[in-house]
Amino acid sequence: MKKLFALLALSLSLCAPLSAQMINAPSMDDVPAIVTDGFKAYAQSGSNSAVDVWCKGSPMETDLTNRMTTATNLTKFEGAYGKYIGWELVKVYTLTPSNKVIFAVAKFEKGPLWLAFSCYKANDTWNIPLLGMAADAMKILPSSAFKE
């Protein structure tokens, strides 16, 4: 009986970290559509289309210099890392009902591009006033992402 209890306790202790990860797993339901729509546009029509979607309704929508820089950076990244092949959700931080930070990774043939979307909703529509990206995950993701 003691052996059975010890085996059960060991099994539960091994499953606890996995259960915690599953509970904390990000949900696509928490991602504003503007983020996912941008990735869909990227897959269908390329980086300029994605940037158009991500900038819609934000201060970047009329800031042509910033938009062109973002699109150019994505195009240069593609030139070095190959074709865009998809994306994955890393983490969603809901700071307030009207503010979220979405961390994602765009997958390319030769490596990842890490992205941080600062999402804001004044009324009923989300926009992205700030978009960060880097090939180095440590420059985009919060330090807590690297703790076990």
N, C-alpha and C. Protein backbone atom coordinates (compact mmCIF):
# COMPACT_ATOMS: atom_id res chain seq x y z
N MET A 1 0.82 -1.19 0.00
CA MET A 1 0.00 0.00 0.00
C MET A 1 0.87 1.26 0.00
N LYS A 2 1.96 1.22 0.79
CA LYS A 2 2.86 2.37 0.85
C LYS A 2 3.49 2.62 -0.52
N LYS A 3 3.85 1.52 -1.21
CA LYS A 3 4.44 1.65 -2.53
C LYS A 3 3.45 2.26 -3.52
N LEU A 4 2.20 1.86 -3.44
CA LEU A 4 1.18 2.40 -4.32
C LEU A 4 0.98 3.90 -4.06
N PHE A 5 0.94 4.28 -2.78
CA PHE A 5 0.79 5.69 -2.43
C PHE A 5 1.99 6.50 -2.92
N ALA A 6 3.19 5.96 -2.75
CA ALA A 6 4.40 6.64 -3.20
C ALA A 6 4.39 6.80 -4.72
N LEU A 7 3.97 5.77 -5.43
CA LEU A 7 3.90 5.83 -6.89
C LEU A 7 2.87 6.86 -7.34
N LEU A 8 1.72 6.92 -6.67
CA LEU A 8 0.69 7.89 -6.99
C LEU A 8 1.19 9.31 -6.72
N ALA A 9 1.86 9.52 -5.60
CA ALA A 9 2.40 10.83 -5.26
C ALA A 9 3.44 11.27 -6.30
N LEU A 10 4.30 10.34 -6.71
CA LEU A 10 5.31 10.64 -7.72
C LEU A 10 4.64 11.01 -9.05
N SER A 11 3.62 10.25 -9.44
CA SER A 11 2.90 10.52 -10.68
C SER A 11 2.27 11.90 -10.67
N LEU A 12 1.64 12.25 -9.56
CA LEU A 12 1.00 13.56 -9.45
C LEU A 12 2.03 14.69 -9.49
N SER A 13 3.17 14.48 -8.85
CA SER A 13 4.19 15.54 -8.84
C SER A 13 4.78 15.75 -10.23
N LEU A 14 4.86 14.70 -11.02
CA LEU A 14 5.36 14.83 -12.39
C LEU A 14 4.34 15.50 -13.30
N CYS A 15 3.05 15.30 -13.00
CA CYS A 15 2.00 15.89 -13.83
C CYS A 15 1.72 17.34 -13.48
N ALA A 16 2.06 17.78 -12.28
CA ALA A 16 1.75 19.15 -11.85
C ALA A 16 2.33 20.21 -12.76
N PRO A 17 3.62 20.14 -13.14
CA PRO A 17 4.14 21.17 -14.04
C PRO A 17 3.41 21.18 -15.38
N LEU A 18 3.08 20.01 -15.89
CA LEU A 18 2.36 19.94 -17.16
C LEU A 18 0.98 20.56 -17.02
N SER A 19 0.30 20.28 -15.92
CA SER A 19 -1.03 20.84 -15.69
C SER A 19 -0.95 22.36 -15.60
N ALA A 20 0.06 22.88 -14.92
CA ALA A 20 0.23 24.33 -14.79
C ALA A 20 0.45 24.96 -16.15
N GLN A 21 1.25 24.31 -17.00
CA GLN A 21 1.49 24.83 -18.34
C GLN A 21 0.19 24.83 -19.15
N MET A 22 -0.60 23.79 -19.01
CA MET A 22 -1.84 23.72 -19.77
C MET A 22 -2.82 24.78 -19.31
N ILE A 23 -2.87 25.06 -18.00
CA ILE A 23 -3.75 26.09 -17.46
C ILE A 23 -3.31 27.46 -17.97
N ASN A 24 -2.01 27.70 -18.06
CA ASN A 24 -1.47 28.98 -18.47
C ASN A 24 -1.27 29.09 -19.98
N ALA A 25 -1.67 28.06 -20.72
CA ALA A 25 -1.48 28.09 -22.17
C ALA A 25 -2.32 29.22 -22.76
N PRO A 26 -1.73 29.97 -23.69
CA PRO A 26 -2.49 31.08 -24.28
C PRO A 26 -3.63 30.55 -25.15
N SER A 27 -4.69 31.31 -25.21
CA SER A 27 -5.85 30.93 -26.00
C SER A 27 -6.02 31.89 -27.17
N MET A 28 -6.27 31.36 -28.33
CA MET A 28 -6.51 32.19 -29.51
C MET A 28 -7.75 33.06 -29.31
N ASP A 29 -8.65 32.65 -28.42
CA ASP A 29 -9.84 33.45 -28.14
C ASP A 29 -9.49 34.80 -27.52
N ASP A 30 -8.31 34.88 -26.90
CA ASP A 30 -7.88 36.12 -26.25
C ASP A 30 -7.14 37.07 -27.20
N VAL A 31 -6.89 36.63 -28.43
CA VAL A 31 -6.13 37.42 -29.39
C VAL A 31 -7.08 38.28 -30.21
N PRO A 32 -6.89 39.60 -30.20
CA PRO A 32 -7.73 40.45 -31.04
C PRO A 32 -7.62 40.05 -32.51
N ALA A 33 -8.74 40.14 -33.22
CA ALA A 33 -8.79 39.72 -34.63
C ALA A 33 -7.79 40.47 -35.49
N ILE A 34 -7.45 41.70 -35.15
CA ILE A 34 -6.52 42.48 -35.96
C ILE A 34 -5.15 41.79 -36.05
N VAL A 35 -4.76 41.09 -35.00
CA VAL A 35 -3.48 40.36 -35.01
C VAL A 35 -3.58 39.16 -35.95
N THR A 36 -4.60 38.34 -35.77
CA THR A 36 -4.74 37.15 -36.61
C THR A 36 -5.03 37.52 -38.06
N ASP A 37 -5.81 38.58 -38.28
CA ASP A 37 -6.10 39.02 -39.65
C ASP A 37 -4.83 39.47 -40.36
N GLY A 38 -3.91 40.10 -39.62
CA GLY A 38 -2.64 40.51 -40.21
C GLY A 38 -1.81 39.32 -40.65
N PHE A 39 -1.79 38.27 -39.83
CA PHE A 39 -1.05 37.07 -40.22
C PHE A 39 -1.70 36.38 -41.44
N LYS A 40 -3.03 36.40 -41.49
CA LYS A 40 -3.72 35.84 -42.67
C LYS A 40 -3.36 36.63 -43.92
N ALA A 41 -3.34 37.96 -43.80
CA ALA A 41 -2.97 38.81 -44.94
C ALA A 41 -1.54 38.56 -45.36
N TYR A 42 -0.66 38.32 -44.38
CA TYR A 42 0.74 38.02 -44.69
C TYR A 42 0.83 36.75 -45.53
N ALA A 43 0.12 35.73 -45.10
CA ALA A 43 0.17 34.45 -45.82
C ALA A 43 -0.41 34.57 -47.23
N GLN A 44 -1.44 35.38 -47.40
CA GLN A 44 -2.11 35.49 -48.70
C GLN A 44 -1.43 36.48 -49.64
N SER A 45 -0.95 37.62 -49.09
CA SER A 45 -0.51 38.70 -49.97
C SER A 45 0.83 39.32 -49.63
N GLY A 46 1.49 38.87 -48.55
CA GLY A 46 2.81 39.37 -48.23
C GLY A 46 2.85 40.42 -47.13
N SER A 47 4.06 40.90 -46.88
CA SER A 47 4.32 41.77 -45.73
C SER A 47 3.59 43.11 -45.80
N ASN A 48 3.49 43.72 -46.97
CA ASN A 48 2.79 45.01 -47.07
C ASN A 48 1.34 44.89 -46.65
N SER A 49 0.69 43.81 -47.05
CA SER A 49 -0.71 43.59 -46.67
C SER A 49 -0.85 43.38 -45.17
N ALA A 50 0.08 42.64 -44.58
CA ALA A 50 0.04 42.42 -43.13
C ALA A 50 0.19 43.75 -42.39
N VAL A 51 1.13 44.55 -42.83
CA VAL A 51 1.36 45.85 -42.17
C VAL A 51 0.13 46.74 -42.33
N ASP A 52 -0.51 46.71 -43.49
CA ASP A 52 -1.74 47.49 -43.68
C ASP A 52 -2.80 47.10 -42.66
N VAL A 53 -2.96 45.80 -42.44
CA VAL A 53 -3.96 45.32 -41.47
C VAL A 53 -3.55 45.73 -40.06
N TRP A 54 -2.30 45.48 -39.69
CA TRP A 54 -1.85 45.77 -38.33
C TRP A 54 -1.88 47.26 -38.00
N CYS A 55 -1.75 48.11 -39.00
CA CYS A 55 -1.74 49.56 -38.76
C CYS A 55 -3.13 50.19 -38.77
N LYS A 56 -4.12 49.46 -39.22
CA LYS A 56 -5.47 50.01 -39.37
C LYS A 56 -6.00 50.54 -38.04
N GLY A 57 -6.42 51.80 -38.07
CA GLY A 57 -7.04 52.41 -36.89
C GLY A 57 -6.07 52.89 -35.83
N SER A 58 -4.77 52.72 -36.06
CA SER A 58 -3.78 53.15 -35.07
C SER A 58 -3.07 54.40 -35.56
N PRO A 59 -2.26 55.02 -34.71
CA PRO A 59 -1.47 56.17 -35.17
C PRO A 59 -0.55 55.81 -36.33
N MET A 60 -0.15 54.54 -36.44
CA MET A 60 0.73 54.12 -37.53
C MET A 60 0.02 54.12 -38.88
N GLU A 61 -1.33 54.14 -38.86
CA GLU A 61 -2.07 54.09 -40.11
C GLU A 61 -1.73 55.28 -41.02
N THR A 62 -1.51 56.45 -40.44
CA THR A 62 -1.18 57.64 -41.23
C THR A 62 0.30 57.98 -41.20
N ASP A 63 1.08 57.23 -40.46
CA ASP A 63 2.53 57.45 -40.39
C ASP A 63 3.19 56.58 -41.46
N LEU A 64 3.26 57.11 -42.67
CA LEU A 64 3.75 56.33 -43.80
C LEU A 64 5.21 55.90 -43.61
N THR A 65 6.01 56.72 -42.98
CA THR A 65 7.42 56.38 -42.76
C THR A 65 7.53 55.14 -41.88
N ASN A 66 6.79 55.12 -40.79
CA ASN A 66 6.81 53.98 -39.87
C ASN A 66 6.27 52.72 -40.55
N ARG A 67 5.20 52.88 -41.31
CA ARG A 67 4.62 51.73 -42.02
C ARG A 67 5.60 51.16 -43.03
N MET A 68 6.24 52.05 -43.80
CA MET A 68 7.20 51.59 -44.81
C MET A 68 8.41 50.92 -44.15
N THR A 69 8.85 51.46 -43.02
CA THR A 69 9.99 50.87 -42.30
C THR A 69 9.63 49.47 -41.82
N THR A 70 8.44 49.31 -41.27
CA THR A 70 8.00 48.01 -40.78
C THR A 70 7.90 47.01 -41.93
N ALA A 71 7.28 47.41 -43.03
CA ALA A 71 7.14 46.52 -44.19
C ALA A 71 8.51 46.18 -44.78
N THR A 72 9.41 47.17 -44.85
CA THR A 72 10.75 46.93 -45.38
C THR A 72 11.52 45.96 -44.49
N ASN A 73 11.40 46.13 -43.18
CA ASN A 73 12.07 45.22 -42.25
C ASN A 73 11.58 43.79 -42.42
N LEU A 74 10.27 43.62 -42.61
CA LEU A 74 9.73 42.27 -42.84
C LEU A 74 10.25 41.69 -44.16
N THR A 75 10.30 42.52 -45.19
CA THR A 75 10.80 42.05 -46.49
C THR A 75 12.27 41.66 -46.40
N LYS A 76 13.07 42.46 -45.69
CA LYS A 76 14.50 42.13 -45.51
C LYS A 76 14.66 40.84 -44.71
N PHE A 77 13.82 40.67 -43.69
CA PHE A 77 13.87 39.45 -42.89
C PHE A 77 13.59 38.25 -43.78
N GLU A 78 12.57 38.36 -44.60
CA GLU A 78 12.24 37.27 -45.54
C GLU A 78 13.41 36.96 -46.46
N GLY A 79 14.10 38.00 -46.91
CA GLY A 79 15.25 37.82 -47.80
C GLY A 79 16.33 36.98 -47.15
N ALA A 80 16.52 37.14 -45.85
CA ALA A 80 17.55 36.40 -45.14
C ALA A 80 17.05 35.05 -44.60
N TYR A 81 15.80 35.00 -44.15
CA TYR A 81 15.29 33.83 -43.45
C TYR A 81 14.37 32.96 -44.30
N GLY A 82 14.08 33.39 -45.51
CA GLY A 82 13.24 32.59 -46.39
C GLY A 82 11.77 32.93 -46.29
N LYS A 83 10.98 32.10 -46.92
CA LYS A 83 9.54 32.32 -47.04
C LYS A 83 8.83 32.21 -45.68
N TYR A 84 7.82 33.07 -45.50
CA TYR A 84 6.94 33.00 -44.33
C TYR A 84 6.11 31.73 -44.43
N ILE A 85 6.06 30.96 -43.33
CA ILE A 85 5.32 29.69 -43.38
C ILE A 85 4.23 29.57 -42.30
N GLY A 86 4.08 30.59 -41.46
CA GLY A 86 3.04 30.53 -40.44
C GLY A 86 3.44 31.25 -39.18
N TRP A 87 2.60 31.13 -38.17
CA TRP A 87 2.89 31.79 -36.89
C TRP A 87 2.32 30.98 -35.75
N GLU A 88 2.83 31.28 -34.55
CA GLU A 88 2.36 30.63 -33.33
C GLU A 88 2.18 31.68 -32.24
N LEU A 89 1.18 31.48 -31.43
CA LEU A 89 0.93 32.35 -30.29
C LEU A 89 1.83 31.92 -29.14
N VAL A 90 2.51 32.90 -28.54
CA VAL A 90 3.39 32.61 -27.41
C VAL A 90 2.68 32.92 -26.10
N LYS A 91 2.15 34.14 -25.97
CA LYS A 91 1.55 34.55 -24.69
C LYS A 91 0.63 35.73 -24.92
N VAL A 92 -0.43 35.80 -24.14
CA VAL A 92 -1.33 36.95 -24.14
C VAL A 92 -1.34 37.52 -22.73
N TYR A 93 -1.02 38.79 -22.63
CA TYR A 93 -1.13 39.49 -21.35
C TYR A 93 -2.28 40.48 -21.45
N THR A 94 -3.33 40.26 -20.67
CA THR A 94 -4.42 41.22 -20.60
C THR A 94 -4.12 42.15 -19.44
N LEU A 95 -3.72 43.38 -19.77
CA LEU A 95 -3.33 44.35 -18.75
C LEU A 95 -4.55 45.03 -18.15
N THR A 96 -5.50 45.41 -19.00
CA THR A 96 -6.79 45.98 -18.60
C THR A 96 -7.78 45.50 -19.67
N PRO A 97 -9.07 45.73 -19.48
CA PRO A 97 -10.02 45.32 -20.52
C PRO A 97 -9.75 45.97 -21.89
N SER A 98 -9.06 47.10 -21.91
CA SER A 98 -8.80 47.78 -23.18
C SER A 98 -7.34 47.70 -23.62
N ASN A 99 -6.50 46.96 -22.91
CA ASN A 99 -5.08 46.87 -23.25
C ASN A 99 -4.58 45.43 -23.13
N LYS A 100 -4.00 44.95 -24.21
CA LYS A 100 -3.41 43.61 -24.22
C LYS A 100 -2.05 43.69 -24.90
N VAL A 101 -1.17 42.79 -24.50
CA VAL A 101 0.09 42.60 -25.22
C VAL A 101 0.10 41.16 -25.69
N ILE A 102 0.27 41.01 -27.00
CA ILE A 102 0.28 39.69 -27.62
C ILE A 102 1.70 39.39 -28.07
N PHE A 103 2.26 38.29 -27.60
CA PHE A 103 3.57 37.84 -28.04
C PHE A 103 3.37 36.67 -29.00
N ALA A 104 4.03 36.75 -30.14
CA ALA A 104 3.87 35.72 -31.17
C ALA A 104 5.22 35.47 -31.84
N VAL A 105 5.30 34.36 -32.54
CA VAL A 105 6.49 34.06 -33.33
C VAL A 105 6.03 33.75 -34.76
N ALA A 106 6.61 34.48 -35.71
CA ALA A 106 6.36 34.21 -37.12
C ALA A 106 7.41 33.22 -37.58
N LYS A 107 6.96 32.17 -38.24
CA LYS A 107 7.87 31.10 -38.67
C LYS A 107 8.26 31.31 -40.12
N PHE A 108 9.57 31.27 -40.37
CA PHE A 108 10.11 31.37 -41.71
C PHE A 108 10.93 30.11 -41.96
N GLU A 109 11.30 29.88 -43.19
CA GLU A 109 12.00 28.64 -43.55
C GLU A 109 13.30 28.45 -42.77
N LYS A 110 14.02 29.53 -42.48
CA LYS A 110 15.33 29.40 -41.84
C LYS A 110 15.38 29.87 -40.40
N GLY A 111 14.26 30.33 -39.86
CA GLY A 111 14.27 30.77 -38.47
C GLY A 111 13.07 31.62 -38.11
N PRO A 112 12.95 31.96 -36.82
CA PRO A 112 11.78 32.68 -36.33
C PRO A 112 11.98 34.20 -36.27
N LEU A 113 10.87 34.90 -36.32
CA LEU A 113 10.82 36.33 -36.04
C LEU A 113 9.86 36.51 -34.89
N TRP A 114 10.33 37.11 -33.81
CA TRP A 114 9.54 37.30 -32.59
C TRP A 114 8.83 38.65 -32.67
N LEU A 115 7.56 38.67 -32.30
CA LEU A 115 6.76 39.89 -32.40
C LEU A 115 6.02 40.18 -31.10
N ALA A 116 5.87 41.46 -30.81
CA ALA A 116 5.06 41.92 -29.68
C ALA A 116 4.07 42.94 -30.21
N PHE A 117 2.80 42.66 -30.04
CA PHE A 117 1.73 43.56 -30.47
C PHE A 117 1.12 44.22 -29.24
N SER A 118 1.23 45.52 -29.15
CA SER A 118 0.55 46.27 -28.10
C SER A 118 -0.83 46.62 -28.64
N CYS A 119 -1.86 46.01 -28.10
CA CYS A 119 -3.22 46.17 -28.62
C CYS A 119 -4.04 47.05 -27.70
N TYR A 120 -4.84 47.92 -28.31
CA TYR A 120 -5.63 48.89 -27.56
C TYR A 120 -7.03 48.97 -28.15
N LYS A 121 -8.02 49.04 -27.25
CA LYS A 121 -9.42 49.15 -27.68
C LYS A 121 -10.06 50.32 -26.95
N ALA A 122 -10.31 51.43 -27.68
CA ALA A 122 -10.96 52.59 -27.08
C ALA A 122 -12.46 52.38 -26.98
N ASN A 123 -13.06 51.84 -28.03
CA ASN A 123 -14.50 51.58 -28.07
C ASN A 123 -14.73 50.11 -28.33
N ASP A 124 -15.14 49.77 -29.54
CA ASP A 124 -15.42 48.37 -29.87
C ASP A 124 -14.37 47.74 -30.77
N THR A 125 -13.38 48.53 -31.21
CA THR A 125 -12.43 48.05 -32.20
C THR A 125 -11.01 48.07 -31.65
N TRP A 126 -10.31 46.96 -31.82
CA TRP A 126 -8.91 46.89 -31.41
C TRP A 126 -8.03 47.51 -32.48
N ASN A 127 -6.94 48.16 -32.03
CA ASN A 127 -5.90 48.59 -32.96
C ASN A 127 -4.55 48.26 -32.33
N ILE A 128 -3.49 48.47 -33.11
CA ILE A 128 -2.13 48.14 -32.66
C ILE A 128 -1.28 49.41 -32.75
N PRO A 129 -1.24 50.20 -31.66
CA PRO A 129 -0.45 51.43 -31.71
C PRO A 129 1.06 51.18 -31.70
N LEU A 130 1.48 50.01 -31.30
CA LEU A 130 2.91 49.71 -31.23
C LEU A 130 3.14 48.25 -31.58
N LEU A 131 4.13 48.04 -32.46
CA LEU A 131 4.49 46.70 -32.91
C LEU A 131 6.00 46.57 -32.83
N GLY A 132 6.46 45.58 -32.07
CA GLY A 132 7.90 45.32 -31.97
C GLY A 132 8.24 43.99 -32.60
N MET A 133 9.43 43.92 -33.19
CA MET A 133 9.86 42.65 -33.79
C MET A 133 11.37 42.54 -33.74
N ALA A 134 11.85 41.31 -33.59
CA ALA A 134 13.28 41.04 -33.57
C ALA A 134 13.53 39.56 -33.82
N ALA A 135 14.69 39.27 -34.39
CA ALA A 135 15.08 37.88 -34.61
C ALA A 135 15.49 37.21 -33.30
N ASP A 136 15.86 38.01 -32.32
CA ASP A 136 16.30 37.52 -31.02
C ASP A 136 15.13 37.55 -30.04
N ALA A 137 14.69 36.39 -29.59
CA ALA A 137 13.55 36.30 -28.67
C ALA A 137 13.77 37.12 -27.41
N MET A 138 15.01 37.20 -26.95
CA MET A 138 15.29 37.91 -25.70
C MET A 138 15.10 39.42 -25.82
N LYS A 139 15.03 39.92 -27.05
CA LYS A 139 14.79 41.35 -27.25
C LYS A 139 13.30 41.68 -27.30
N ILE A 140 12.44 40.66 -27.40
CA ILE A 140 11.00 40.88 -27.52
C ILE A 140 10.24 40.32 -26.33
N LEU A 141 10.52 39.09 -25.96
CA LEU A 141 9.74 38.44 -24.91
C LEU A 141 10.16 38.94 -23.53
N PRO A 142 9.23 38.97 -22.59
CA PRO A 142 9.59 39.35 -21.21
C PRO A 142 10.50 38.30 -20.58
N SER A 143 11.31 38.72 -19.64
CA SER A 143 12.26 37.79 -19.01
C SER A 143 11.55 36.60 -18.37
N SER A 144 10.30 36.77 -17.95
CA SER A 144 9.56 35.67 -17.33
C SER A 144 9.34 34.51 -18.31
N ALA A 145 9.45 34.77 -19.61
CA ALA A 145 9.27 33.71 -20.60
C ALA A 145 10.41 32.70 -20.57
N PHE A 146 11.52 33.08 -19.96
CA PHE A 146 12.69 32.21 -19.95
C PHE A 146 12.90 31.51 -18.60
N LYS A 147 11.92 31.63 -17.72
CA LYS A 147 11.98 30.96 -16.42
C LYS A 147 11.11 29.73 -16.47
N GLU A 148 11.54 28.69 -15.81
CA GLU A 148 10.76 27.45 -15.78
C GLU A 148 9.77 27.47 -14.66
